[in-house]
Amino acid sequence: MKAQIEDNLHSGKNLWIFNKDYISEFVYGGIDGAITTFAVVAGAAGADAALYWVLIFGFANLIADGFSMSVGNYFSVKAERDNYDKHKAIEYWEIEHLREKEIEEIREIYEAKGFEGELLDKVVEVIISDKDVWVDTMMKEELEMMKDDKTPVNTAIATFLSFNVVGIIPLMAYVLAVAFDWSEEHLFLISCLSTGLALMIVGFMKSRVTEKSSIKGIFETLLLGGLAAFLAYYVGEVLAKYFL
């Protein structure tokens, strides 16, 4: 799914104010942030935990999980770039030391595309006349590898920010309750509604970038969030009965 999102993004489409190259990070970081943080809130609600415990565990999860997810994305993108650079260096070496073999591979690639005769000779001649074009052609056509413009650092930052920006929404009712001395009676209900709205927006964004049904995207996102909250709530309730 993520690869499909990135393919659509590279077609040149933006989504609202977001950089098209990092919308996939925002979508998945936001979904993960909202669902995991809301699961903590639901578990605490099921255990009838005090307000300060909800905030402590909620923010601990928000920062730790957001950082963990961003680090994972950093190393994932870095590994892909390192792998690309390694194979690119190999292609340069092969062009220098196995020139005739590489020329024949270019010829075979474009023969398979339907080129023949003088036109085929001309295409091969043009490609091998520029070493960089030659290597880029081999990377794309032979190895089916293309370099992603996204940097590991920017990917990690986008993931961390989206995780926290969307992930803090389930906690906002509790934060405001502390700040303005609100009653705790309906905080979980408010958190449920605000989280549901956040998941609907992110689900809609997911459907836009994947060019799928908006209703399906929203429903899937809400379903996953609701299931996580349901499990967390009742696990919290059961554990509270035995240990509190």
C-alpha atoms as a PDB file:
ATOM      1  CA  MET A   1       0.000   0.000   0.000  1.00  0.00           C
ATOM      2  CA  LYS A   2       2.752   2.454   0.929  1.00  0.00           C
ATOM      3  CA  ALA A   3       4.551   1.801  -2.364  1.00  0.00           C
ATOM      4  CA  GLN A   4       1.293   2.558  -4.208  1.00  0.00           C
ATOM      5  CA  ILE A   5       0.936   5.835  -2.331  1.00  0.00           C
ATOM      6  CA  GLU A   6       4.489   6.838  -3.228  1.00  0.00           C
ATOM      7  CA  ASP A   7       3.952   5.946  -6.906  1.00  0.00           C
ATOM      8  CA  ASN A   8       0.918   8.235  -7.019  1.00  0.00           C
ATOM      9  CA  LEU A   9       2.761  11.000  -5.233  1.00  0.00           C
ATOM     10  CA  HIS A  10       5.585  10.947  -7.751  1.00  0.00           C
ATOM     11  CA  SER A  11       3.042  11.620 -10.487  1.00  0.00           C
ATOM     12  CA  GLY A  12       3.274  15.273  -9.420  1.00  0.00           C
ATOM     13  CA  LYS A  13       0.183  15.591  -7.268  1.00  0.00           C
ATOM     14  CA  ASN A  14       0.117  17.628  -4.075  1.00  0.00           C
ATOM     15  CA  LEU A  15      -2.432  17.241  -1.327  1.00  0.00           C
ATOM     16  CA  TRP A  16      -3.489  20.584   0.122  1.00  0.00           C
ATOM     17  CA  ILE A  17      -0.436  22.252   1.734  1.00  0.00           C
ATOM     18  CA  PHE A  18       1.650  19.122   2.139  1.00  0.00           C
ATOM     19  CA  ASN A  19       4.844  18.381   0.240  1.00  0.00           C
ATOM     20  CA  LYS A  20       3.852  15.578  -2.106  1.00  0.00           C
ATOM     21  CA  ASP A  21       7.061  13.676  -1.402  1.00  0.00           C
ATOM     22  CA  TYR A  22       6.194  13.194   2.252  1.00  0.00           C
ATOM     23  CA  ILE A  23       2.424  12.730   2.276  1.00  0.00           C
ATOM     24  CA  SER A  24       2.807   8.974   2.739  1.00  0.00           C
ATOM     25  CA  GLU A  25       4.842   9.598   5.898  1.00  0.00           C
ATOM     26  CA  PHE A  26       2.204  12.027   7.177  1.00  0.00           C
ATOM     27  CA  VAL A  27      -0.638   9.601   6.485  1.00  0.00           C
ATOM     28  CA  TYR A  28       0.940   6.553   8.074  1.00  0.00           C
ATOM     29  CA  GLY A  29       2.585   8.475  10.893  1.00  0.00           C
ATOM     30  CA  GLY A  30      -0.717  10.187  11.655  1.00  0.00           C
ATOM     31  CA  ILE A  31      -2.734   6.966  11.615  1.00  0.00           C
ATOM     32  CA  ASP A  32      -0.223   5.191  13.844  1.00  0.00           C
ATOM     33  CA  GLY A  33       0.004   8.159  16.217  1.00  0.00           C
ATOM     34  CA  ALA A  34      -3.755   8.510  16.630  1.00  0.00           C
ATOM     35  CA  ILE A  35      -4.432   4.791  17.033  1.00  0.00           C
ATOM     36  CA  THR A  36      -1.605   3.970  19.473  1.00  0.00           C
ATOM     37  CA  THR A  37      -2.184   7.025  21.656  1.00  0.00           C
ATOM     38  CA  PHE A  38      -5.931   6.485  21.700  1.00  0.00           C
ATOM     39  CA  ALA A  39      -5.319   2.855  22.660  1.00  0.00           C
ATOM     40  CA  VAL A  40      -3.412   4.091  25.717  1.00  0.00           C
ATOM     41  CA  VAL A  41      -6.252   6.476  26.588  1.00  0.00           C
ATOM     42  CA  ALA A  42      -8.840   3.719  26.117  1.00  0.00           C
ATOM     43  CA  GLY A  43      -6.868   1.272  28.226  1.00  0.00           C
ATOM     44  CA  ALA A  44      -6.553   3.864  30.989  1.00  0.00           C
ATOM     45  CA  ALA A  45     -10.272   4.614  30.753  1.00  0.00           C
ATOM     46  CA  GLY A  46     -11.086   0.913  30.967  1.00  0.00           C
ATOM     47  CA  ALA A  47      -8.951   0.681  34.100  1.00  0.00           C
ATOM     48  CA  ASP A  48     -10.576   3.837  35.472  1.00  0.00           C
ATOM     49  CA  ALA A  49      -7.120   5.350  35.880  1.00  0.00           C
ATOM     50  CA  ALA A  50      -6.585   8.788  37.350  1.00  0.00           C
ATOM     51  CA  LEU A  51      -6.260  11.734  35.004  1.00  0.00           C
ATOM     52  CA  TYR A  52      -2.551  12.205  35.588  1.00  0.00           C
ATOM     53  CA  TRP A  53      -1.846   8.561  34.673  1.00  0.00           C
ATOM     54  CA  VAL A  54      -3.619   9.031  31.362  1.00  0.00           C
ATOM     55  CA  LEU A  55      -1.418  12.029  30.610  1.00  0.00           C
ATOM     56  CA  ILE A  56       1.803  10.401  31.787  1.00  0.00           C
ATOM     57  CA  PHE A  57       1.353   7.201  29.796  1.00  0.00           C
ATOM     58  CA  GLY A  58      -0.207   9.014  26.866  1.00  0.00           C
ATOM     59  CA  PHE A  59       2.661  11.445  26.393  1.00  0.00           C
ATOM     60  CA  ALA A  60       5.263   8.770  27.098  1.00  0.00           C
ATOM     61  CA  ASN A  61       3.743   6.684  24.313  1.00  0.00           C
ATOM     62  CA  LEU A  62       3.457   9.697  22.021  1.00  0.00           C
ATOM     63  CA  ILE A  63       7.115  10.688  22.276  1.00  0.00           C
ATOM     64  CA  ALA A  64       8.652   7.210  22.505  1.00  0.00           C
ATOM     65  CA  ASP A  65       6.600   5.575  19.749  1.00  0.00           C
ATOM     66  CA  GLY A  66       6.877   8.621  17.502  1.00  0.00           C
ATOM     67  CA  PHE A  67      10.654   8.617  17.896  1.00  0.00           C
ATOM     68  CA  SER A  68      10.852   4.866  17.370  1.00  0.00           C
ATOM     69  CA  MET A  69       8.776   5.048  14.190  1.00  0.00           C
ATOM     70  CA  SER A  70      10.817   7.965  12.818  1.00  0.00           C
ATOM     71  CA  VAL A  71      14.094   6.147  13.531  1.00  0.00           C
ATOM     72  CA  GLY A  72      12.738   3.064  11.773  1.00  0.00           C
ATOM     73  CA  ASN A  73      11.825   5.137   8.712  1.00  0.00           C
ATOM     74  CA  TYR A  74      15.234   6.839   8.793  1.00  0.00           C
ATOM     75  CA  PHE A  75      17.103   3.541   8.645  1.00  0.00           C
ATOM     76  CA  SER A  76      14.701   2.109   6.069  1.00  0.00           C
ATOM     77  CA  VAL A  77      15.203   5.015   3.653  1.00  0.00           C
ATOM     78  CA  LYS A  78      18.942   5.107   4.343  1.00  0.00           C
ATOM     79  CA  ALA A  79      19.254   1.379   3.635  1.00  0.00           C
ATOM     80  CA  GLU A  80      17.403   1.813   0.326  1.00  0.00           C
ATOM     81  CA  ARG A  81      19.669   4.714  -0.697  1.00  0.00           C
ATOM     82  CA  ASP A  82      22.816   2.826   0.342  1.00  0.00           C
ATOM     83  CA  ASN A  83      21.689  -0.202  -1.624  1.00  0.00           C
ATOM     84  CA  TYR A  84      21.008   1.974  -4.667  1.00  0.00           C
ATOM     85  CA  ASP A  85      24.418   3.655  -4.419  1.00  0.00           C
ATOM     86  CA  LYS A  86      26.147   0.277  -4.042  1.00  0.00           C
ATOM     87  CA  HIS A  87      24.576  -1.115  -7.212  1.00  0.00           C
ATOM     88  CA  LYS A  88      25.237   2.121  -9.059  1.00  0.00           C
ATOM     89  CA  ALA A  89      28.939   1.902  -8.193  1.00  0.00           C
ATOM     90  CA  ILE A  90      28.945  -1.682  -9.467  1.00  0.00           C
ATOM     91  CA  GLU A  91      27.416  -0.553 -12.766  1.00  0.00           C
ATOM     92  CA  TYR A  92      30.125   2.100 -13.201  1.00  0.00           C
ATOM     93  CA  TRP A  93      32.776  -0.544 -12.555  1.00  0.00           C
ATOM     94  CA  GLU A  94      31.222  -2.926 -15.075  1.00  0.00           C
ATOM     95  CA  ILE A  95      31.075  -0.202 -17.738  1.00  0.00           C
ATOM     96  CA  GLU A  96      34.788   0.451 -17.214  1.00  0.00           C
ATOM     97  CA  HIS A  97      35.910  -3.178 -17.054  1.00  0.00           C
ATOM     98  CA  LEU A  98      33.214  -5.164 -18.898  1.00  0.00           C
ATOM     99  CA  ARG A  99      32.317  -2.643 -21.568  1.00  0.00           C
ATOM    100  CA  GLU A 100      31.367  -5.026 -24.386  1.00  0.00           C
ATOM    101  CA  LYS A 101      29.173  -7.102 -22.098  1.00  0.00           C
ATOM    102  CA  GLU A 102      27.365  -3.973 -20.870  1.00  0.00           C
ATOM    103  CA  ILE A 103      26.860  -2.738 -24.439  1.00  0.00           C
ATOM    104  CA  GLU A 104      25.294  -6.065 -25.319  1.00  0.00           C
ATOM    105  CA  GLU A 105      22.988  -5.804 -22.306  1.00  0.00           C
ATOM    106  CA  ILE A 106      21.801  -2.373 -23.468  1.00  0.00           C
ATOM    107  CA  ARG A 107      21.183  -3.807 -26.921  1.00  0.00           C
ATOM    108  CA  GLU A 108      19.173  -6.720 -25.488  1.00  0.00           C
ATOM    109  CA  ILE A 109      17.095  -4.357 -23.332  1.00  0.00           C
ATOM    110  CA  TYR A 110      16.022  -2.237 -26.287  1.00  0.00           C
ATOM    111  CA  GLU A 111      15.588  -5.211 -28.590  1.00  0.00           C
ATOM    112  CA  ALA A 112      13.052  -6.498 -26.078  1.00  0.00           C
ATOM    113  CA  LYS A 113      11.283  -3.127 -26.351  1.00  0.00           C
ATOM    114  CA  GLY A 114      10.874  -3.623 -30.118  1.00  0.00           C
ATOM    115  CA  PHE A 115      13.807  -1.605 -31.463  1.00  0.00           C
ATOM    116  CA  GLU A 116      15.708  -3.132 -34.347  1.00  0.00           C
ATOM    117  CA  GLY A 117      18.109  -2.426 -37.192  1.00  0.00           C
ATOM    118  CA  GLU A 118      19.527   1.047 -37.630  1.00  0.00           C
ATOM    119  CA  LEU A 119      17.243   2.581 -35.039  1.00  0.00           C
ATOM    120  CA  LEU A 120      18.450   0.084 -32.432  1.00  0.00           C
ATOM    121  CA  ASP A 121      22.082   0.856 -33.278  1.00  0.00           C
ATOM    122  CA  LYS A 122      21.408   4.581 -32.930  1.00  0.00           C
ATOM    123  CA  VAL A 123      19.676   4.206 -29.554  1.00  0.00           C
ATOM    124  CA  VAL A 124      22.524   2.086 -28.198  1.00  0.00           C
ATOM    125  CA  GLU A 125      25.102   4.547 -29.536  1.00  0.00           C
ATOM    126  CA  VAL A 126      23.385   7.516 -27.889  1.00  0.00           C
ATOM    127  CA  ILE A 127      23.068   5.786 -24.531  1.00  0.00           C
ATOM    128  CA  ILE A 128      26.639   4.502 -24.298  1.00  0.00           C
ATOM    129  CA  SER A 129      28.056   7.871 -25.395  1.00  0.00           C
ATOM    130  CA  ASP A 130      27.254   9.299 -21.947  1.00  0.00           C
ATOM    131  CA  LYS A 131      28.460   7.213 -19.010  1.00  0.00           C
ATOM    132  CA  ASP A 132      25.966   8.710 -16.554  1.00  0.00           C
ATOM    133  CA  VAL A 133      23.017   8.125 -18.884  1.00  0.00           C
ATOM    134  CA  TRP A 134      24.306   4.612 -19.503  1.00  0.00           C
ATOM    135  CA  VAL A 135      24.468   3.803 -15.795  1.00  0.00           C
ATOM    136  CA  ASP A 136      21.066   5.373 -15.102  1.00  0.00           C
ATOM    137  CA  THR A 137      19.573   3.302 -17.916  1.00  0.00           C
ATOM    138  CA  MET A 138      21.061   0.106 -16.516  1.00  0.00           C
ATOM    139  CA  MET A 139      19.816   0.929 -13.039  1.00  0.00           C
ATOM    140  CA  LYS A 140      16.285   1.507 -14.255  1.00  0.00           C
ATOM    141  CA  GLU A 141      15.930  -1.036 -17.034  1.00  0.00           C
ATOM    142  CA  GLU A 142      18.131  -3.910 -15.831  1.00  0.00           C
ATOM    143  CA  LEU A 143      17.942  -3.650 -12.048  1.00  0.00           C
ATOM    144  CA  GLU A 144      14.553  -1.877 -11.881  1.00  0.00           C
ATOM    145  CA  MET A 145      15.922   0.538  -9.294  1.00  0.00           C
ATOM    146  CA  MET A 146      15.170   4.262  -9.062  1.00  0.00           C
ATOM    147  CA  LYS A 147      16.608   6.654  -6.512  1.00  0.00           C
ATOM    148  CA  ASP A 148      14.085   8.162  -4.138  1.00  0.00           C
ATOM    149  CA  ASP A 149      14.390  11.936  -3.774  1.00  0.00           C
ATOM    150  CA  LYS A 150      13.348  11.747  -0.121  1.00  0.00           C
ATOM    151  CA  THR A 151      16.211  12.024   2.367  1.00  0.00           C
ATOM    152  CA  PRO A 152      16.402   9.835   5.489  1.00  0.00           C
ATOM    153  CA  VAL A 153      16.464  12.880   7.798  1.00  0.00           C
ATOM    154  CA  ASN A 154      13.455  14.584   6.213  1.00  0.00           C
ATOM    155  CA  THR A 155      11.547  11.315   6.198  1.00  0.00           C
ATOM    156  CA  ALA A 156      12.223  10.815   9.890  1.00  0.00           C
ATOM    157  CA  ILE A 157      11.203  14.392  10.705  1.00  0.00           C
ATOM    158  CA  ALA A 158       7.980  14.131   8.683  1.00  0.00           C
ATOM    159  CA  THR A 159       7.097  10.865  10.422  1.00  0.00           C
ATOM    160  CA  PHE A 160       7.826  12.189  13.904  1.00  0.00           C
ATOM    161  CA  LEU A 161       5.877  15.416  13.368  1.00  0.00           C
ATOM    162  CA  SER A 162       2.841  13.698  11.851  1.00  0.00           C
ATOM    163  CA  PHE A 163       2.831  11.046  14.585  1.00  0.00           C
ATOM    164  CA  ASN A 164       2.797  13.728  17.275  1.00  0.00           C
ATOM    165  CA  VAL A 165       0.524  16.275  15.567  1.00  0.00           C
ATOM    166  CA  VAL A 166      -2.243  13.717  14.994  1.00  0.00           C
ATOM    167  CA  GLY A 167      -1.344  11.517  17.957  1.00  0.00           C
ATOM    168  CA  ILE A 168      -1.841  14.279  20.505  1.00  0.00           C
ATOM    169  CA  ILE A 169      -5.517  14.648  19.558  1.00  0.00           C
ATOM    170  CA  PRO A 170      -6.751  11.785  21.806  1.00  0.00           C
ATOM    171  CA  LEU A 171      -4.999  13.494  24.730  1.00  0.00           C
ATOM    172  CA  MET A 172      -6.208  17.041  24.130  1.00  0.00           C
ATOM    173  CA  ALA A 173      -9.410  16.676  26.153  1.00  0.00           C
ATOM    174  CA  TYR A 174      -7.330  15.537  29.135  1.00  0.00           C
ATOM    175  CA  VAL A 175      -4.774  18.314  28.676  1.00  0.00           C
ATOM    176  CA  LEU A 176      -7.540  20.927  28.555  1.00  0.00           C
ATOM    177  CA  ALA A 177      -9.226  19.374  31.584  1.00  0.00           C
ATOM    178  CA  VAL A 178      -6.045  19.916  33.601  1.00  0.00           C
ATOM    179  CA  ALA A 179      -5.464  23.412  32.204  1.00  0.00           C
ATOM    180  CA  PHE A 180      -9.020  24.662  32.811  1.00  0.00           C
ATOM    181  CA  ASP A 181     -10.083  22.379  35.672  1.00  0.00           C
ATOM    182  CA  TRP A 182     -12.830  20.689  33.657  1.00  0.00           C
ATOM    183  CA  SER A 183     -14.948  17.864  34.932  1.00  0.00           C
ATOM    184  CA  GLU A 184     -13.562  14.419  34.106  1.00  0.00           C
ATOM    185  CA  GLU A 185     -17.001  12.919  33.529  1.00  0.00           C
ATOM    186  CA  HIS A 186     -17.115  13.095  29.724  1.00  0.00           C
ATOM    187  CA  LEU A 187     -13.407  13.270  28.857  1.00  0.00           C
ATOM    188  CA  PHE A 188     -13.219   9.793  27.337  1.00  0.00           C
ATOM    189  CA  LEU A 189     -16.276  10.445  25.174  1.00  0.00           C
ATOM    190  CA  ILE A 190     -14.765  13.723  23.950  1.00  0.00           C
ATOM    191  CA  SER A 191     -11.492  11.902  23.236  1.00  0.00           C
ATOM    192  CA  CYS A 192     -13.388   9.232  21.268  1.00  0.00           C
ATOM    193  CA  LEU A 193     -15.170  11.808  19.122  1.00  0.00           C
ATOM    194  CA  SER A 194     -12.084  13.937  18.456  1.00  0.00           C
ATOM    195  CA  THR A 195      -9.981  10.881  17.637  1.00  0.00           C
ATOM    196  CA  GLY A 196     -12.684   9.581  15.321  1.00  0.00           C
ATOM    197  CA  LEU A 197     -12.723  12.903  13.490  1.00  0.00           C
ATOM    198  CA  ALA A 198      -8.920  12.879  13.207  1.00  0.00           C
ATOM    199  CA  LEU A 199      -8.953   9.331  11.821  1.00  0.00           C
ATOM    200  CA  MET A 200     -11.639  10.285   9.320  1.00  0.00           C
ATOM    201  CA  ILE A 201      -9.516  13.180   8.032  1.00  0.00           C
ATOM    202  CA  VAL A 202      -6.366  11.056   7.768  1.00  0.00           C
ATOM    203  CA  GLY A 203      -8.357   8.216   6.179  1.00  0.00           C
ATOM    204  CA  PHE A 204      -9.699  10.682   3.626  1.00  0.00           C
ATOM    205  CA  MET A 205      -6.153  11.842   2.883  1.00  0.00           C
ATOM    206  CA  LYS A 206      -5.065   8.228   2.442  1.00  0.00           C
ATOM    207  CA  SER A 207      -7.835   7.651  -0.068  1.00  0.00           C
ATOM    208  CA  ARG A 208      -6.873  10.792  -1.977  1.00  0.00           C
ATOM    209  CA  VAL A 209      -3.238   9.847  -2.434  1.00  0.00           C
ATOM    210  CA  THR A 210      -4.058   6.211  -3.288  1.00  0.00           C
ATOM    211  CA  GLU A 211      -6.898   7.353  -5.580  1.00  0.00           C
ATOM    212  CA  LYS A 212      -9.296   4.908  -3.928  1.00  0.00           C
ATOM    213  CA  SER A 213     -12.789   5.361  -2.543  1.00  0.00           C
ATOM    214  CA  SER A 214     -12.920   8.040   0.154  1.00  0.00           C
ATOM    215  CA  ILE A 215     -15.642   6.149   2.016  1.00  0.00           C
ATOM    216  CA  LYS A 216     -13.550   2.978   2.019  1.00  0.00           C
ATOM    217  CA  GLY A 217     -10.442   4.833   3.202  1.00  0.00           C
ATOM    218  CA  ILE A 218     -12.323   6.513   6.045  1.00  0.00           C
ATOM    219  CA  PHE A 219     -14.102   3.296   7.060  1.00  0.00           C
ATOM    220  CA  GLU A 220     -10.884   1.230   7.119  1.00  0.00           C
ATOM    221  CA  THR A 221      -9.077   3.808   9.234  1.00  0.00           C
ATOM    222  CA  LEU A 222     -11.954   4.164  11.688  1.00  0.00           C
ATOM    223  CA  LEU A 223     -12.331   0.394  11.918  1.00  0.00           C
ATOM    224  CA  LEU A 224      -8.675  -0.140  12.808  1.00  0.00           C
ATOM    225  CA  GLY A 225      -8.734   2.676  15.343  1.00  0.00           C
ATOM    226  CA  GLY A 226     -11.968   1.445  16.887  1.00  0.00           C
ATOM    227  CA  LEU A 227     -10.710  -2.134  17.132  1.00  0.00           C
ATOM    228  CA  ALA A 228      -7.487  -1.026  18.830  1.00  0.00           C
ATOM    229  CA  ALA A 229      -9.460   1.120  21.290  1.00  0.00           C
ATOM    230  CA  PHE A 230     -11.957  -1.686  21.985  1.00  0.00           C
ATOM    231  CA  LEU A 231      -9.206  -4.180  22.802  1.00  0.00           C
ATOM    232  CA  ALA A 232      -7.268  -1.687  24.915  1.00  0.00           C
ATOM    233  CA  TYR A 233     -10.353  -0.608  26.851  1.00  0.00           C
ATOM    234  CA  TYR A 234     -11.403  -4.092  27.833  1.00  0.00           C
ATOM    235  CA  VAL A 235      -7.865  -5.257  28.572  1.00  0.00           C
ATOM    236  CA  GLY A 236      -7.560  -2.261  30.893  1.00  0.00           C
ATOM    237  CA  GLU A 237     -10.898  -3.079  32.505  1.00  0.00           C
ATOM    238  CA  VAL A 238     -10.026  -6.739  33.053  1.00  0.00           C
ATOM    239  CA  LEU A 239      -6.560  -6.019  34.454  1.00  0.00           C
ATOM    240  CA  ALA A 240      -7.972  -3.354  36.748  1.00  0.00           C
ATOM    241  CA  LYS A 241     -10.358  -5.895  38.280  1.00  0.00           C
ATOM    242  CA  TYR A 242      -7.502  -8.261  39.103  1.00  0.00           C
ATOM    243  CA  PHE A 243      -4.755  -5.891  40.163  1.00  0.00           C
ATOM    244  CA  LEU A 244      -6.409  -2.708  41.455  1.00  0.00           C
END
